[in-house]
């Protein structure tokens, strides 16, 4: 049994808009790091990822970064960003 199941799938994070989230009844967005906010081999956010997360936060959504990449101390967003980050072993 899956704990989380996708309600919608989009090829790019920018296509998940506040309007779509409102329509789905979402109140929060949980994001993985690898292949979502950054490519698998990079420690840099993909183009537009920081602006997109700020847009969601500005629209009133809770945004939480969740990653199992905890050993490297990986932080895709700068210190002081408005997104909490949870590393799961």
PDB file of N, CA and C in Angstrom:
ATOM      1  N   UNK A   1       0.845  -1.181   0.000  1.00  0.00           N
ATOM      2  CA  UNK A   1       0.000   0.000   0.000  1.00  0.00           C
ATOM      3  C   UNK A   1       0.892   1.247   0.000  1.00  0.00           C
ATOM      4  N   UNK A   2       0.673   2.127  -0.939  1.00  0.00           N
ATOM      5  CA  UNK A   2       1.462   3.354  -1.046  1.00  0.00           C
ATOM      6  C   UNK A   2       0.909   4.413  -0.089  1.00  0.00           C
ATOM      7  N   UNK A   3       1.816   5.111   0.569  1.00  0.00           N
ATOM      8  CA  UNK A   3       1.411   6.178   1.466  1.00  0.00           C
ATOM      9  C   UNK A   3       0.979   7.406   0.677  1.00  0.00           C
ATOM     10  N   UNK A   4       1.733   7.735  -0.358  1.00  0.00           N
ATOM     11  CA  UNK A   4       1.417   8.881  -1.201  1.00  0.00           C
ATOM     12  C   UNK A   4       1.202   8.402  -2.625  1.00  0.00           C
ATOM     13  N   UNK A   5       0.170   8.872  -3.236  1.00  0.00           N
ATOM     14  CA  UNK A   5      -0.101   8.558  -4.638  1.00  0.00           C
ATOM     15  C   UNK A   5      -0.326   9.869  -5.385  1.00  0.00           C
ATOM     16  N   UNK A   6       0.243   9.990  -6.565  1.00  0.00           N
ATOM     17  CA  UNK A   6       0.087  11.253  -7.298  1.00  0.00           C
ATOM     18  C   UNK A   6      -1.354  11.471  -7.753  1.00  0.00           C
ATOM     19  N   UNK A   7      -1.787  12.697  -7.623  1.00  0.00           N
ATOM     20  CA  UNK A   7      -3.098  13.107  -8.118  1.00  0.00           C
ATOM     21  C   UNK A   7      -2.959  13.651  -9.524  1.00  0.00           C
ATOM     22  N   UNK A   8      -1.825  14.262  -9.791  1.00  0.00           N
ATOM     23  CA  UNK A   8      -1.536  14.823 -11.112  1.00  0.00           C
ATOM     24  C   UNK A   8      -0.047  14.641 -11.382  1.00  0.00           C
ATOM     25  N   UNK A   9       0.299  14.464 -12.635  1.00  0.00           N
ATOM     26  CA  UNK A   9       1.697  14.317 -13.039  1.00  0.00           C
ATOM     27  C   UNK A   9       1.969  15.333 -14.145  1.00  0.00           C
ATOM     28  N   UNK A  10       3.014  16.095 -13.974  1.00  0.00           N
ATOM     29  CA  UNK A  10       3.412  17.095 -14.964  1.00  0.00           C
ATOM     30  C   UNK A  10       4.883  16.880 -15.305  1.00  0.00           C
ATOM     31  N   UNK A  11       5.286  17.128 -16.551  1.00  0.00           N
ATOM     32  CA  UNK A  11       6.678  16.898 -16.936  1.00  0.00           C
ATOM     33  C   UNK A  11       7.664  17.918 -16.359  1.00  0.00           C
ATOM     34  N   UNK A  12       7.193  19.100 -15.976  1.00  0.00           N
ATOM     35  CA  UNK A  12       8.065  20.137 -15.422  1.00  0.00           C
ATOM     36  C   UNK A  12       7.415  20.754 -14.197  1.00  0.00           C
ATOM     37  N   UNK A  13       8.233  21.087 -13.200  1.00  0.00           N
ATOM     38  CA  UNK A  13       7.666  21.627 -11.966  1.00  0.00           C
ATOM     39  C   UNK A  13       6.905  22.925 -12.201  1.00  0.00           C
ATOM     40  N   UNK A  14       7.350  23.725 -13.154  1.00  0.00           N
ATOM     41  CA  UNK A  14       6.668  24.988 -13.440  1.00  0.00           C
ATOM     42  C   UNK A  14       5.235  24.815 -13.922  1.00  0.00           C
ATOM     43  N   UNK A  15       4.888  23.617 -14.356  1.00  0.00           N
ATOM     44  CA  UNK A  15       3.522  23.346 -14.797  1.00  0.00           C
ATOM     45  C   UNK A  15       2.583  23.048 -13.626  1.00  0.00           C
ATOM     46  N   UNK A  16       3.152  22.888 -12.442  1.00  0.00           N
ATOM     47  CA  UNK A  16       2.338  22.737 -11.236  1.00  0.00           C
ATOM     48  C   UNK A  16       2.146  24.150 -10.690  1.00  0.00           C
ATOM     49  N   UNK A  17       1.041  24.741 -11.030  1.00  0.00           N
ATOM     50  CA  UNK A  17       0.773  26.142 -10.710  1.00  0.00           C
ATOM     51  C   UNK A  17      -0.119  26.255  -9.473  1.00  0.00           C
ATOM     52  N   UNK A  18      -0.114  27.433  -8.832  1.00  0.00           N
ATOM     53  CA  UNK A  18      -1.054  27.635  -7.727  1.00  0.00           C
ATOM     54  C   UNK A  18      -2.504  27.378  -8.154  1.00  0.00           C
ATOM     55  N   UNK A  19      -2.841  27.720  -9.372  1.00  0.00           N
ATOM     56  CA  UNK A  19      -4.206  27.485  -9.863  1.00  0.00           C
ATOM     57  C   UNK A  19      -4.525  25.982  -9.883  1.00  0.00           C
ATOM     58  N   UNK A  20      -3.585  25.172 -10.397  1.00  0.00           N
ATOM     59  CA  UNK A  20      -3.777  23.722 -10.419  1.00  0.00           C
ATOM     60  C   UNK A  20      -3.907  23.189  -8.996  1.00  0.00           C
ATOM     61  N   UNK A  21      -3.038  23.645  -8.112  1.00  0.00           N
ATOM     62  CA  UNK A  21      -3.076  23.176  -6.727  1.00  0.00           C
ATOM     63  C   UNK A  21      -4.393  23.535  -6.045  1.00  0.00           C
ATOM     64  N   UNK A  22      -4.910  24.733  -6.299  1.00  0.00           N
ATOM     65  CA  UNK A  22      -6.219  25.123  -5.752  1.00  0.00           C
ATOM     66  C   UNK A  22      -7.310  24.194  -6.259  1.00  0.00           C
ATOM     67  N   UNK A  23      -7.264  23.912  -7.556  1.00  0.00           N
ATOM     68  CA  UNK A  23      -8.261  23.035  -8.164  1.00  0.00           C
ATOM     69  C   UNK A  23      -8.210  21.627  -7.559  1.00  0.00           C
ATOM     70  N   UNK A  24      -7.010  21.182  -7.181  1.00  0.00           N
ATOM     71  CA  UNK A  24      -6.848  19.862  -6.576  1.00  0.00           C
ATOM     72  C   UNK A  24      -7.131  19.858  -5.071  1.00  0.00           C
ATOM     73  N   UNK A  25      -7.302  21.036  -4.503  1.00  0.00           N
ATOM     74  CA  UNK A  25      -7.565  21.124  -3.067  1.00  0.00           C
ATOM     75  C   UNK A  25      -6.323  20.966  -2.207  1.00  0.00           C
ATOM     76  N   UNK A  26      -5.156  21.186  -2.782  1.00  0.00           N
ATOM     77  CA  UNK A  26      -3.894  21.029  -2.052  1.00  0.00           C
ATOM     78  C   UNK A  26      -3.669  22.193  -1.097  1.00  0.00           C
ATOM     79  N   UNK A  27      -3.003  21.883   0.013  1.00  0.00           N
ATOM     80  CA  UNK A  27      -2.604  22.920   0.962  1.00  0.00           C
ATOM     81  C   UNK A  27      -1.097  22.964   1.129  1.00  0.00           C
ATOM     82  N   UNK A  28      -0.427  21.914   0.658  1.00  0.00           N
ATOM     83  CA  UNK A  28       1.025  21.826   0.803  1.00  0.00           C
ATOM     84  C   UNK A  28       1.608  21.067  -0.378  1.00  0.00           C
ATOM     85  N   UNK A  29       2.915  21.270  -0.587  1.00  0.00           N
ATOM     86  CA  UNK A  29       3.627  20.580  -1.656  1.00  0.00           C
ATOM     87  C   UNK A  29       4.883  19.960  -1.046  1.00  0.00           C
ATOM     88  N   UNK A  30       5.019  18.644  -1.189  1.00  0.00           N
ATOM     89  CA  UNK A  30       6.228  17.935  -0.760  1.00  0.00           C
ATOM     90  C   UNK A  30       7.054  17.666  -1.999  1.00  0.00           C
ATOM     91  N   UNK A  31       8.321  18.043  -1.959  1.00  0.00           N
ATOM     92  CA  UNK A  31       9.187  17.908  -3.128  1.00  0.00           C
ATOM     93  C   UNK A  31      10.402  17.067  -2.831  1.00  0.00           C
ATOM     94  N   UNK A  32      10.745  16.202  -3.748  1.00  0.00           N
ATOM     95  CA  UNK A  32      12.017  15.492  -3.687  1.00  0.00           C
ATOM     96  C   UNK A  32      13.064  16.406  -4.318  1.00  0.00           C
ATOM     97  N   UNK A  33      14.314  16.151  -4.025  1.00  0.00           N
ATOM     98  CA  UNK A  33      15.378  16.968  -4.583  1.00  0.00           C
ATOM     99  C   UNK A  33      15.812  16.445  -5.944  1.00  0.00           C
ATOM    100  N   UNK A  34      16.329  15.210  -5.959  1.00  0.00           N
ATOM    101  CA  UNK A  34      16.906  14.648  -7.178  1.00  0.00           C
ATOM    102  C   UNK A  34      15.856  14.475  -8.267  1.00  0.00           C
ATOM    103  N   UNK A  35      16.147  15.046  -9.423  1.00  0.00           N
ATOM    104  CA  UNK A  35      15.285  14.994 -10.603  1.00  0.00           C
ATOM    105  C   UNK A  35      13.968  15.740 -10.433  1.00  0.00           C
ATOM    106  N   UNK A  36      13.901  16.602  -9.430  1.00  0.00           N
ATOM    107  CA  UNK A  36      12.733  17.470  -9.264  1.00  0.00           C
ATOM    108  C   UNK A  36      13.207  18.915  -9.193  1.00  0.00           C
ATOM    109  N   UNK A  37      13.948  19.242  -8.152  1.00  0.00           N
ATOM    110  CA  UNK A  37      14.487  20.597  -8.014  1.00  0.00           C
ATOM    111  C   UNK A  37      15.879  20.735  -8.617  1.00  0.00           C
ATOM    112  N   UNK A  38      16.559  19.625  -8.760  1.00  0.00           N
ATOM    113  CA  UNK A  38      17.900  19.612  -9.351  1.00  0.00           C
ATOM    114  C   UNK A  38      18.054  18.315 -10.127  1.00  0.00           C
ATOM    115  N   UNK A  39      18.983  18.322 -11.078  1.00  0.00           N
ATOM    116  CA  UNK A  39      19.252  17.069 -11.782  1.00  0.00           C
ATOM    117  C   UNK A  39      19.935  16.112 -10.814  1.00  0.00           C
ATOM    118  N   UNK A  40      19.920  14.855 -11.144  1.00  0.00           N
ATOM    119  CA  UNK A  40      20.468  13.836 -10.253  1.00  0.00           C
ATOM    120  C   UNK A  40      21.942  14.052  -9.948  1.00  0.00           C
ATOM    121  N   UNK A  41      22.690  14.574 -10.885  1.00  0.00           N
ATOM    122  CA  UNK A  41      24.134  14.724 -10.714  1.00  0.00           C
ATOM    123  C   UNK A  41      24.565  16.124 -10.292  1.00  0.00           C
ATOM    124  N   UNK A  42      23.633  17.027 -10.062  1.00  0.00           N
ATOM    125  CA  UNK A  42      23.980  18.409  -9.759  1.00  0.00           C
ATOM    126  C   UNK A  42      23.539  18.804  -8.355  1.00  0.00           C
ATOM    127  N   UNK A  43      24.251  19.743  -7.765  1.00  0.00           N
ATOM    128  CA  UNK A  43      23.836  20.302  -6.483  1.00  0.00           C
ATOM    129  C   UNK A  43      23.221  21.682  -6.678  1.00  0.00           C
ATOM    130  N   UNK A  44      22.996  22.057  -7.908  1.00  0.00           N
ATOM    131  CA  UNK A  44      22.413  23.359  -8.216  1.00  0.00           C
ATOM    132  C   UNK A  44      20.953  23.190  -8.626  1.00  0.00           C
ATOM    133  N   UNK A  45      20.061  24.062  -8.133  1.00  0.00           N
ATOM    134  CA  UNK A  45      18.662  23.989  -8.557  1.00  0.00           C
ATOM    135  C   UNK A  45      18.543  24.204 -10.064  1.00  0.00           C
ATOM    136  N   UNK A  46      17.580  23.535 -10.675  1.00  0.00           N
ATOM    137  CA  UNK A  46      17.339  23.750 -12.098  1.00  0.00           C
ATOM    138  C   UNK A  46      16.823  25.163 -12.316  1.00  0.00           C
ATOM    139  N   UNK A  47      16.951  25.645 -13.519  1.00  0.00           N
ATOM    140  CA  UNK A  47      16.522  27.000 -13.854  1.00  0.00           C
ATOM    141  C   UNK A  47      15.038  27.177 -13.511  1.00  0.00           C
ATOM    142  N   UNK A  48      14.750  28.180 -12.725  1.00  0.00           N
ATOM    143  CA  UNK A  48      13.372  28.507 -12.373  1.00  0.00           C
ATOM    144  C   UNK A  48      12.853  27.837 -11.112  1.00  0.00           C
ATOM    145  N   UNK A  49      13.611  26.894 -10.530  1.00  0.00           N
ATOM    146  CA  UNK A  49      13.110  26.154  -9.363  1.00  0.00           C
ATOM    147  C   UNK A  49      12.925  27.055  -8.144  1.00  0.00           C
ATOM    148  N   UNK A  50      13.879  27.931  -7.883  1.00  0.00           N
ATOM    149  CA  UNK A  50      13.758  28.812  -6.722  1.00  0.00           C
ATOM    150  C   UNK A  50      12.598  29.785  -6.882  1.00  0.00           C
ATOM    151  N   UNK A  51      12.458  30.341  -8.069  1.00  0.00           N
ATOM    152  CA  UNK A  51      11.354  31.269  -8.325  1.00  0.00           C
ATOM    153  C   UNK A  51      10.008  30.553  -8.192  1.00  0.00           C
ATOM    154  N   UNK A  52       9.948  29.313  -8.667  1.00  0.00           N
ATOM    155  CA  UNK A  52       8.714  28.528  -8.599  1.00  0.00           C
ATOM    156  C   UNK A  52       8.322  28.260  -7.151  1.00  0.00           C
ATOM    157  N   UNK A  53       9.302  27.872  -6.315  1.00  0.00           N
ATOM    158  CA  UNK A  53       8.970  27.617  -4.911  1.00  0.00           C
ATOM    159  C   UNK A  53       8.518  28.909  -4.225  1.00  0.00           C
ATOM    160  N   UNK A  54       9.161  30.017  -4.554  1.00  0.00           N
ATOM    161  CA  UNK A  54       8.734  31.308  -3.984  1.00  0.00           C
ATOM    162  C   UNK A  54       7.321  31.677  -4.420  1.00  0.00           C
ATOM    163  N   UNK A  55       6.974  31.352  -5.664  1.00  0.00           N
ATOM    164  CA  UNK A  55       5.622  31.619  -6.155  1.00  0.00           C
ATOM    165  C   UNK A  55       4.592  30.822  -5.356  1.00  0.00           C
ATOM    166  N   UNK A  56       4.880  29.546  -5.109  1.00  0.00           N
ATOM    167  CA  UNK A  56       3.947  28.718  -4.338  1.00  0.00           C
ATOM    168  C   UNK A  56       3.808  29.227  -2.912  1.00  0.00           C
ATOM    169  N   UNK A  57       4.939  29.570  -2.296  1.00  0.00           N
ATOM    170  CA  UNK A  57       4.899  30.099  -0.928  1.00  0.00           C
ATOM    171  C   UNK A  57       4.122  31.411  -0.893  1.00  0.00           C
ATOM    172  N   UNK A  58       4.357  32.275  -1.876  1.00  0.00           N
ATOM    173  CA  UNK A  58       3.647  33.542  -1.962  1.00  0.00           C
ATOM    174  C   UNK A  58       2.147  33.361  -2.152  1.00  0.00           C
ATOM    175  N   UNK A  59       1.757  32.247  -2.759  1.00  0.00           N
ATOM    176  CA  UNK A  59       0.335  31.954  -2.964  1.00  0.00           C
ATOM    177  C   UNK A  59      -0.278  31.279  -1.741  1.00  0.00           C
ATOM    178  N   UNK A  60       0.531  31.079  -0.687  1.00  0.00           N
ATOM    179  CA  UNK A  60       0.004  30.543   0.557  1.00  0.00           C
ATOM    180  C   UNK A  60       0.202  29.056   0.770  1.00  0.00           C
ATOM    181  N   UNK A  61       0.967  28.401  -0.084  1.00  0.00           N
ATOM    182  CA  UNK A  61       1.190  26.959   0.070  1.00  0.00           C
ATOM    183  C   UNK A  61       2.382  26.687   0.959  1.00  0.00           C
ATOM    184  N   UNK A  62       2.288  25.637   1.747  1.00  0.00           N
ATOM    185  CA  UNK A  62       3.421  25.136   2.513  1.00  0.00           C
ATOM    186  C   UNK A  62       4.246  24.298   1.549  1.00  0.00           C
ATOM    187  N   UNK A  63       5.531  24.550   1.484  1.00  0.00           N
ATOM    188  CA  UNK A  63       6.426  23.814   0.600  1.00  0.00           C
ATOM    189  C   UNK A  63       7.512  23.187   1.464  1.00  0.00           C
ATOM    190  N   UNK A  64       7.655  21.858   1.373  1.00  0.00           N
ATOM    191  CA  UNK A  64       8.648  21.139   2.160  1.00  0.00           C
ATOM    192  C   UNK A  64       9.504  20.303   1.217  1.00  0.00           C
ATOM    193  N   UNK A  65      10.809  20.409   1.378  1.00  0.00           N
ATOM    194  CA  UNK A  65      11.747  19.616   0.593  1.00  0.00           C
ATOM    195  C   UNK A  65      12.036  18.342   1.379  1.00  0.00           C
ATOM    196  N   UNK A  66      11.859  17.203   0.738  1.00  0.00           N
ATOM    197  CA  UNK A  66      12.109  15.908   1.369  1.00  0.00           C
ATOM    198  C   UNK A  66      13.129  15.170   0.505  1.00  0.00           C
ATOM    199  N   UNK A  67      14.153  14.614   1.152  1.00  0.00           N
ATOM    200  CA  UNK A  67      15.179  13.923   0.389  1.00  0.00           C
ATOM    201  C   UNK A  67      15.736  12.747   1.174  1.00  0.00           C
ATOM    202  N   UNK A  68      16.134  11.708   0.464  1.00  0.00           N
ATOM    203  CA  UNK A  68      16.867  10.624   1.103  1.00  0.00           C
ATOM    204  C   UNK A  68      18.359  10.779   0.853  1.00  0.00           C
ATOM    205  N   UNK A  69      18.758  11.914   0.319  1.00  0.00           N
ATOM    206  CA  UNK A  69      20.158  12.208   0.035  1.00  0.00           C
ATOM    207  C   UNK A  69      20.747  12.963   1.234  1.00  0.00           C
ATOM    208  N   UNK A  70      20.667  12.343   2.403  1.00  0.00           N
ATOM    209  CA  UNK A  70      21.042  13.011   3.640  1.00  0.00           C
ATOM    210  C   UNK A  70      22.528  12.939   3.969  1.00  0.00           C
ATOM    211  N   UNK A  71      23.247  11.979   3.426  1.00  0.00           N
ATOM    212  CA  UNK A  71      24.654  11.788   3.808  1.00  0.00           C
ATOM    213  C   UNK A  71      25.554  12.901   3.301  1.00  0.00           C
ATOM    214  N   UNK A  72      25.212  13.479   2.175  1.00  0.00           N
ATOM    215  CA  UNK A  72      26.102  14.486   1.589  1.00  0.00           C
ATOM    216  C   UNK A  72      25.861  15.885   2.136  1.00  0.00           C
ATOM    217  N   UNK A  73      24.861  16.054   2.992  1.00  0.00           N
ATOM    218  CA  UNK A  73      24.553  17.389   3.481  1.00  0.00           C
ATOM    219  C   UNK A  73      23.987  18.267   2.378  1.00  0.00           C
ATOM    220  N   UNK A  74      23.425  17.656   1.392  1.00  0.00           N
ATOM    221  CA  UNK A  74      22.914  18.318   0.200  1.00  0.00           C
ATOM    222  C   UNK A  74      21.845  19.328   0.537  1.00  0.00           C
ATOM    223  N   UNK A  75      21.986  20.537   0.052  1.00  0.00           N
ATOM    224  CA  UNK A  75      20.983  21.585   0.268  1.00  0.00           C
ATOM    225  C   UNK A  75      20.723  22.264  -1.071  1.00  0.00           C
ATOM    226  N   UNK A  76      19.590  21.964  -1.717  1.00  0.00           N
ATOM    227  CA  UNK A  76      19.322  22.543  -3.019  1.00  0.00           C
ATOM    228  C   UNK A  76      18.913  24.007  -2.961  1.00  0.00           C
ATOM    229  N   UNK A  77      18.517  24.468  -1.791  1.00  0.00           N
ATOM    230  CA  UNK A  77      18.103  25.851  -1.645  1.00  0.00           C
ATOM    231  C   UNK A  77      19.030  26.539  -0.662  1.00  0.00           C
ATOM    232  N   UNK A  78      19.255  27.815  -0.860  1.00  0.00           N
ATOM    233  CA  UNK A  78      20.181  28.512   0.018  1.00  0.00           C
ATOM    234  C   UNK A  78      19.681  28.567   1.459  1.00  0.00           C
ATOM    235  N   UNK A  79      20.618  28.663   2.396  1.00  0.00           N
ATOM    236  CA  UNK A  79      20.247  28.850   3.795  1.00  0.00           C
ATOM    237  C   UNK A  79      19.343  30.072   3.898  1.00  0.00           C
ATOM    238  N   UNK A  80      18.346  30.017   4.752  1.00  0.00           N
ATOM    239  CA  UNK A  80      17.442  31.143   4.904  1.00  0.00           C
ATOM    240  C   UNK A  80      16.280  31.111   3.944  1.00  0.00           C
ATOM    241  N   UNK A  81      16.200  30.091   3.089  1.00  0.00           N
ATOM    242  CA  UNK A  81      15.050  30.007   2.199  1.00  0.00           C
ATOM    243  C   UNK A  81      13.832  29.670   3.043  1.00  0.00           C
ATOM    244  N   UNK A  82      12.668  29.916   2.502  1.00  0.00           N
ATOM    245  CA  UNK A  82      11.438  29.729   3.257  1.00  0.00           C
ATOM    246  C   UNK A  82      10.985  28.277   3.289  1.00  0.00           C
ATOM    247  N   UNK A  83      11.725  27.353   2.677  1.00  0.00           N
ATOM    248  CA  UNK A  83      11.321  25.954   2.608  1.00  0.00           C
ATOM    249  C   UNK A  83      12.051  25.132   3.655  1.00  0.00           C
ATOM    250  N   UNK A  84      11.303  24.461   4.533  1.00  0.00           N
ATOM    251  CA  UNK A  84      11.981  23.530   5.426  1.00  0.00           C
ATOM    252  C   UNK A  84      12.482  22.328   4.632  1.00  0.00           C
ATOM    253  N   UNK A  85      13.568  21.721   5.095  1.00  0.00           N
ATOM    254  CA  UNK A  85      14.145  20.570   4.414  1.00  0.00           C
ATOM    255  C   UNK A  85      14.207  19.409   5.394  1.00  0.00           C
ATOM    256  N   UNK A  86      13.657  18.264   5.008  1.00  0.00           N
ATOM    257  CA  UNK A  86      13.692  17.063   5.824  1.00  0.00           C
ATOM    258  C   UNK A  86      14.504  15.995   5.102  1.00  0.00           C
ATOM    259  N   UNK A  87      15.533  15.487   5.761  1.00  0.00           N
ATOM    260  CA  UNK A  87      16.348  14.420   5.178  1.00  0.00           C
ATOM    261  C   UNK A  87      15.938  13.105   5.822  1.00  0.00           C
ATOM    262  N   UNK A  88      15.586  12.150   4.993  1.00  0.00           N
ATOM    263  CA  UNK A  88      15.148  10.856   5.481  1.00  0.00           C
ATOM    264  C   UNK A  88      16.191   9.802   5.173  1.00  0.00           C
ATOM    265  N   UNK A  89      16.581   8.988   6.163  1.00  0.00           N
ATOM    266  CA  UNK A  89      17.571   7.941   5.898  1.00  0.00           C
ATOM    267  C   UNK A  89      16.987   6.826   5.071  1.00  0.00           C
TER     268      UNK A  89
END
